[in-house]
Amino acid sequence: MGSVATWHTFQYCLDYFRYFLPSSGNLTSDGEYMADIVRDSGHEWNDFFIFAASGTDDFAYSAFKNQIEAMADVDDGTFRYADNERQGNLYFLEQDGGVHSGEYAMEYFYNGLCWIWQ
């Protein structure tokens, strides 16, 4: 439903977008690869924010979570867990029991937009 497309938009269009809301779909499990996207673009950690979400019973959950955690583990601080833009650029919402469905996608999208427009 669009998470991989969101990651590709992050990969190729970081100059044009600030907020990204991927849910339940990963691009890679290599955090350094994701950090290189940012470094190669000339952007800094505070030039974007990723609101990531997935359900714990989603078939894509473990791969998605692995990517998010790998990004957060990059040593230079390219990705920083936080629930606000002043302190970081990566938030991960995990819905207990959530599955890969349009219903949960809409919930993640709603929560992400509420967060962005707070």
N, C-alpha and C. Protein backbone atom coordinates (compact mmCIF):
# COMPACT_ATOMS: atom_id res chain seq x y z
N MET A 1 0.80 -1.20 0.00
CA MET A 1 0.00 0.00 0.00
C MET A 1 0.84 1.26 0.00
N GLY A 2 2.16 1.13 -0.03
CA GLY A 2 2.94 2.34 -0.19
C GLY A 2 4.17 2.52 0.66
N SER A 3 4.44 1.61 1.60
CA SER A 3 5.61 1.82 2.45
C SER A 3 6.91 1.77 1.66
N VAL A 4 7.04 0.80 0.78
CA VAL A 4 8.27 0.71 -0.01
C VAL A 4 8.39 1.94 -0.92
N ALA A 5 7.26 2.39 -1.46
CA ALA A 5 7.28 3.62 -2.27
C ALA A 5 7.69 4.82 -1.41
N THR A 6 7.27 4.83 -0.15
CA THR A 6 7.67 5.90 0.76
C THR A 6 9.18 5.88 0.98
N TRP A 7 9.74 4.68 1.18
CA TRP A 7 11.19 4.57 1.35
C TRP A 7 11.94 5.01 0.09
N HIS A 8 11.40 4.68 -1.07
CA HIS A 8 12.05 5.12 -2.32
C HIS A 8 11.92 6.64 -2.49
N THR A 9 10.83 7.20 -2.04
CA THR A 9 10.70 8.66 -2.06
C THR A 9 11.74 9.28 -1.14
N PHE A 10 11.94 8.68 0.03
CA PHE A 10 13.01 9.13 0.93
C PHE A 10 14.36 9.02 0.23
N GLN A 11 14.56 7.92 -0.46
CA GLN A 11 15.83 7.65 -1.12
C GLN A 11 16.12 8.65 -2.24
N TYR A 12 15.13 8.98 -3.04
CA TYR A 12 15.37 9.77 -4.24
C TYR A 12 14.84 11.21 -4.20
N CYS A 13 14.03 11.54 -3.20
CA CYS A 13 13.37 12.86 -3.21
C CYS A 13 13.49 13.59 -1.88
N LEU A 14 14.55 13.35 -1.15
CA LEU A 14 14.72 14.00 0.14
C LEU A 14 14.78 15.52 0.02
N ASP A 15 15.14 16.02 -1.13
CA ASP A 15 15.15 17.48 -1.35
C ASP A 15 13.74 18.06 -1.38
N TYR A 16 12.74 17.25 -1.61
CA TYR A 16 11.38 17.75 -1.84
C TYR A 16 10.40 17.49 -0.71
N PHE A 17 10.73 16.59 0.19
CA PHE A 17 9.81 16.23 1.28
C PHE A 17 10.53 16.27 2.62
N ARG A 18 9.79 16.65 3.66
CA ARG A 18 10.33 16.69 5.00
C ARG A 18 9.82 15.53 5.87
N TYR A 19 8.56 15.16 5.69
CA TYR A 19 7.92 14.14 6.52
C TYR A 19 7.68 12.87 5.72
N PHE A 20 7.91 11.75 6.39
CA PHE A 20 7.73 10.43 5.77
C PHE A 20 6.96 9.55 6.74
N LEU A 21 5.95 8.84 6.24
CA LEU A 21 5.11 7.99 7.07
C LEU A 21 5.06 6.55 6.54
N PRO A 22 6.17 5.83 6.56
CA PRO A 22 6.13 4.43 6.11
C PRO A 22 5.47 3.54 7.16
N SER A 23 4.80 2.51 6.67
CA SER A 23 4.21 1.55 7.61
C SER A 23 4.27 0.14 7.02
N SER A 24 4.87 -0.74 7.77
CA SER A 24 4.84 -2.17 7.48
C SER A 24 5.44 -2.57 6.14
N GLY A 25 6.54 -1.98 5.80
CA GLY A 25 7.26 -2.39 4.60
C GLY A 25 8.65 -1.80 4.65
N ASN A 26 9.65 -2.61 4.42
CA ASN A 26 11.03 -2.13 4.54
C ASN A 26 11.72 -2.05 3.19
N LEU A 27 12.78 -1.29 3.17
CA LEU A 27 13.62 -1.18 1.98
C LEU A 27 14.86 -2.04 2.12
N THR A 28 15.43 -2.06 3.32
CA THR A 28 16.68 -2.75 3.59
C THR A 28 16.78 -3.00 5.09
N SER A 29 17.72 -3.81 5.50
CA SER A 29 18.01 -3.96 6.93
C SER A 29 19.35 -3.32 7.26
N ASP A 30 19.89 -2.56 6.33
CA ASP A 30 21.20 -1.93 6.46
C ASP A 30 21.04 -0.46 6.85
N GLY A 31 21.25 -0.17 8.13
CA GLY A 31 21.12 1.20 8.62
C GLY A 31 22.12 2.15 7.98
N GLU A 32 23.32 1.67 7.72
CA GLU A 32 24.33 2.51 7.08
C GLU A 32 23.92 2.90 5.66
N TYR A 33 23.27 1.99 4.97
CA TYR A 33 22.77 2.31 3.62
C TYR A 33 21.78 3.47 3.71
N MET A 34 20.88 3.40 4.68
CA MET A 34 19.89 4.47 4.84
C MET A 34 20.57 5.78 5.24
N ALA A 35 21.57 5.70 6.10
CA ALA A 35 22.31 6.90 6.51
C ALA A 35 23.07 7.49 5.33
N ASP A 36 23.60 6.64 4.47
CA ASP A 36 24.31 7.13 3.28
C ASP A 36 23.38 7.92 2.36
N ILE A 37 22.12 7.53 2.32
CA ILE A 37 21.15 8.30 1.53
C ILE A 37 21.10 9.74 2.03
N VAL A 38 21.06 9.90 3.34
CA VAL A 38 21.02 11.24 3.93
C VAL A 38 22.35 11.95 3.70
N ARG A 39 23.44 11.29 4.01
CA ARG A 39 24.76 11.91 3.85
C ARG A 39 25.02 12.34 2.41
N ASP A 40 24.73 11.45 1.46
CA ASP A 40 24.98 11.74 0.05
C ASP A 40 24.10 12.87 -0.48
N SER A 41 22.95 13.08 0.16
CA SER A 41 22.05 14.15 -0.27
C SER A 41 22.48 15.52 0.24
N GLY A 42 23.40 15.51 1.23
CA GLY A 42 23.83 16.77 1.83
C GLY A 42 22.91 17.26 2.94
N HIS A 43 21.94 16.44 3.32
CA HIS A 43 21.02 16.83 4.39
C HIS A 43 21.57 16.42 5.75
N GLU A 44 21.03 17.06 6.78
CA GLU A 44 21.39 16.78 8.16
C GLU A 44 20.23 16.04 8.83
N TRP A 45 20.45 15.55 10.04
CA TRP A 45 19.45 14.78 10.77
C TRP A 45 18.17 15.58 11.01
N ASN A 46 18.28 16.88 11.11
CA ASN A 46 17.10 17.69 11.43
C ASN A 46 16.39 18.26 10.20
N ASP A 47 16.70 17.74 9.03
CA ASP A 47 16.04 18.17 7.79
C ASP A 47 14.82 17.32 7.44
N PHE A 48 14.53 16.28 8.22
CA PHE A 48 13.42 15.39 7.91
C PHE A 48 12.95 14.70 9.18
N PHE A 49 11.76 14.13 9.12
CA PHE A 49 11.24 13.34 10.24
C PHE A 49 10.50 12.13 9.66
N ILE A 50 10.77 10.97 10.25
CA ILE A 50 10.13 9.72 9.84
C ILE A 50 9.21 9.25 10.95
N PHE A 51 7.92 9.15 10.66
CA PHE A 51 6.93 8.58 11.57
C PHE A 51 6.62 7.19 11.03
N ALA A 52 7.23 6.18 11.60
CA ALA A 52 7.09 4.80 11.13
C ALA A 52 6.11 4.05 12.03
N ALA A 53 5.31 3.17 11.43
CA ALA A 53 4.33 2.43 12.21
C ALA A 53 4.11 1.04 11.64
N SER A 54 3.86 0.10 12.54
CA SER A 54 3.54 -1.26 12.13
C SER A 54 2.86 -1.98 13.29
N GLY A 55 2.12 -3.02 12.94
CA GLY A 55 1.48 -3.85 13.95
C GLY A 55 2.33 -5.06 14.27
N THR A 56 2.26 -5.50 15.50
CA THR A 56 3.09 -6.60 15.95
C THR A 56 2.71 -7.94 15.31
N ASP A 57 1.48 -8.05 14.79
CA ASP A 57 1.06 -9.28 14.11
C ASP A 57 1.06 -9.14 12.59
N ASP A 58 1.68 -8.09 12.10
CA ASP A 58 1.81 -7.85 10.66
C ASP A 58 2.91 -8.75 10.12
N PHE A 59 2.68 -9.40 8.98
CA PHE A 59 3.70 -10.29 8.42
C PHE A 59 4.99 -9.54 8.08
N ALA A 60 4.91 -8.22 7.86
CA ALA A 60 6.08 -7.42 7.51
C ALA A 60 6.75 -6.77 8.73
N TYR A 61 6.18 -6.99 9.90
CA TYR A 61 6.63 -6.31 11.12
C TYR A 61 8.11 -6.53 11.43
N SER A 62 8.58 -7.76 11.44
CA SER A 62 9.96 -8.01 11.87
C SER A 62 10.98 -7.37 10.93
N ALA A 63 10.78 -7.46 9.63
CA ALA A 63 11.71 -6.84 8.68
C ALA A 63 11.64 -5.31 8.80
N PHE A 64 10.45 -4.78 8.96
CA PHE A 64 10.27 -3.34 9.11
C PHE A 64 10.96 -2.85 10.38
N LYS A 65 10.71 -3.54 11.48
CA LYS A 65 11.33 -3.17 12.76
C LYS A 65 12.85 -3.28 12.67
N ASN A 66 13.35 -4.32 12.00
CA ASN A 66 14.80 -4.46 11.84
C ASN A 66 15.39 -3.25 11.12
N GLN A 67 14.70 -2.76 10.09
CA GLN A 67 15.21 -1.58 9.39
C GLN A 67 15.22 -0.37 10.31
N ILE A 68 14.13 -0.14 11.02
CA ILE A 68 14.05 1.03 11.91
C ILE A 68 15.14 0.96 12.97
N GLU A 69 15.31 -0.20 13.59
CA GLU A 69 16.34 -0.35 14.62
C GLU A 69 17.75 -0.20 14.04
N ALA A 70 17.98 -0.72 12.84
CA ALA A 70 19.29 -0.57 12.19
C ALA A 70 19.58 0.90 11.90
N MET A 71 18.56 1.64 11.50
CA MET A 71 18.73 3.07 11.26
C MET A 71 19.10 3.78 12.56
N ALA A 72 18.38 3.46 13.63
CA ALA A 72 18.64 4.10 14.92
C ALA A 72 20.01 3.73 15.47
N ASP A 73 20.55 2.60 15.07
CA ASP A 73 21.85 2.15 15.57
C ASP A 73 23.05 2.77 14.84
N VAL A 74 22.81 3.55 13.80
CA VAL A 74 23.91 4.19 13.09
C VAL A 74 24.61 5.15 14.06
N ASP A 75 25.92 5.01 14.19
CA ASP A 75 26.69 5.71 15.22
C ASP A 75 26.73 7.23 15.11
N ASP A 76 26.62 7.78 13.92
CA ASP A 76 26.83 9.23 13.78
C ASP A 76 25.60 10.07 14.08
N GLY A 77 24.49 9.44 14.46
CA GLY A 77 23.30 10.21 14.83
C GLY A 77 22.47 10.68 13.64
N THR A 78 22.68 10.07 12.48
CA THR A 78 21.86 10.43 11.32
C THR A 78 20.39 10.22 11.64
N PHE A 79 20.08 9.15 12.37
CA PHE A 79 18.71 8.87 12.79
C PHE A 79 18.68 8.85 14.31
N ARG A 80 17.70 9.58 14.87
CA ARG A 80 17.60 9.71 16.33
C ARG A 80 16.16 9.51 16.76
N TYR A 81 15.95 8.50 17.61
CA TYR A 81 14.60 8.27 18.15
C TYR A 81 14.15 9.48 18.95
N ALA A 82 12.93 9.91 18.73
CA ALA A 82 12.34 10.99 19.52
C ALA A 82 10.86 11.08 19.17
N ASP A 83 10.12 11.72 20.04
CA ASP A 83 8.70 11.95 19.73
C ASP A 83 8.46 13.42 19.39
N ASN A 84 9.56 14.12 19.06
CA ASN A 84 9.45 15.51 18.64
C ASN A 84 10.63 15.85 17.74
N GLU A 85 10.46 16.89 16.94
CA GLU A 85 11.49 17.24 15.95
C GLU A 85 12.68 17.97 16.55
N ARG A 86 12.55 18.51 17.72
CA ARG A 86 13.68 19.21 18.34
C ARG A 86 14.77 18.23 18.77
N GLN A 87 14.38 17.03 19.16
CA GLN A 87 15.33 16.08 19.70
C GLN A 87 15.70 14.95 18.75
N GLY A 88 14.92 14.77 17.70
CA GLY A 88 15.22 13.65 16.83
C GLY A 88 14.46 13.69 15.53
N ASN A 89 14.52 12.57 14.81
CA ASN A 89 13.89 12.51 13.49
C ASN A 89 13.27 11.15 13.17
N LEU A 90 13.13 10.30 14.19
CA LEU A 90 12.63 8.96 13.95
C LEU A 90 11.72 8.54 15.11
N TYR A 91 10.48 8.24 14.77
CA TYR A 91 9.52 7.77 15.75
C TYR A 91 8.95 6.45 15.24
N PHE A 92 8.82 5.47 16.12
CA PHE A 92 8.29 4.16 15.71
C PHE A 92 7.10 3.79 16.57
N LEU A 93 5.94 3.77 15.94
CA LEU A 93 4.69 3.39 16.60
C LEU A 93 4.46 1.90 16.34
N GLU A 94 4.32 1.12 17.40
CA GLU A 94 4.06 -0.31 17.28
C GLU A 94 2.68 -0.59 17.86
N GLN A 95 1.78 -1.08 17.01
CA GLN A 95 0.42 -1.39 17.43
C GLN A 95 0.34 -2.85 17.84
N ASP A 96 0.13 -3.08 19.13
CA ASP A 96 0.04 -4.45 19.64
C ASP A 96 -1.12 -5.17 18.95
N GLY A 97 -0.83 -6.27 18.29
CA GLY A 97 -1.84 -7.07 17.62
C GLY A 97 -2.23 -6.57 16.24
N GLY A 98 -1.67 -5.46 15.80
CA GLY A 98 -2.00 -4.91 14.49
C GLY A 98 -1.55 -5.83 13.37
N VAL A 99 -2.35 -5.91 12.31
CA VAL A 99 -2.05 -6.76 11.16
C VAL A 99 -1.87 -5.90 9.91
N HIS A 100 -1.47 -6.52 8.83
CA HIS A 100 -1.24 -5.84 7.56
C HIS A 100 -2.59 -5.68 6.85
N SER A 101 -3.24 -4.56 7.09
CA SER A 101 -4.57 -4.34 6.51
C SER A 101 -4.80 -2.86 6.29
N GLY A 102 -5.78 -2.57 5.45
CA GLY A 102 -6.16 -1.18 5.21
C GLY A 102 -6.64 -0.49 6.45
N GLU A 103 -7.32 -1.22 7.32
CA GLU A 103 -7.83 -0.63 8.57
C GLU A 103 -6.68 -0.10 9.43
N TYR A 104 -5.66 -0.92 9.61
CA TYR A 104 -4.52 -0.47 10.41
C TYR A 104 -3.71 0.59 9.68
N ALA A 105 -3.59 0.48 8.36
CA ALA A 105 -2.88 1.51 7.60
C ALA A 105 -3.52 2.87 7.80
N MET A 106 -4.85 2.91 7.79
CA MET A 106 -5.55 4.18 8.01
C MET A 106 -5.31 4.71 9.42
N GLU A 107 -5.25 3.82 10.39
CA GLU A 107 -4.97 4.23 11.77
C GLU A 107 -3.56 4.83 11.88
N TYR A 108 -2.59 4.19 11.24
CA TYR A 108 -1.22 4.70 11.28
C TYR A 108 -1.13 6.05 10.57
N PHE A 109 -1.78 6.13 9.43
CA PHE A 109 -1.78 7.37 8.65
C PHE A 109 -2.43 8.50 9.45
N TYR A 110 -3.57 8.21 10.07
CA TYR A 110 -4.26 9.20 10.89
C TYR A 110 -3.36 9.69 12.02
N ASN A 111 -2.76 8.76 12.75
CA ASN A 111 -1.90 9.14 13.87
C ASN A 111 -0.67 9.92 13.40
N GLY A 112 -0.10 9.53 12.27
CA GLY A 112 1.05 10.24 11.73
C GLY A 112 0.69 11.66 11.34
N LEU A 113 -0.45 11.84 10.67
CA LEU A 113 -0.86 13.18 10.27
C LEU A 113 -1.21 14.05 11.48
N CYS A 114 -1.85 13.46 12.48
CA CYS A 114 -2.13 14.22 13.72
C CYS A 114 -0.82 14.68 14.35
N TRP A 115 0.17 13.81 14.33
CA TRP A 115 1.47 14.17 14.92
C TRP A 115 2.11 15.31 14.13
N ILE A 116 2.12 15.20 12.80
CA ILE A 116 2.74 16.22 11.97
C ILE A 116 2.06 17.57 12.13
N TRP A 117 0.75 17.55 12.19
CA TRP A 117 -0.01 18.81 12.23
C TRP A 117 -0.37 19.25 13.63
N GLN A 118 0.29 18.73 14.63
CA GLN A 118 -0.02 19.12 16.02
C GLN A 118 0.29 20.57 16.30
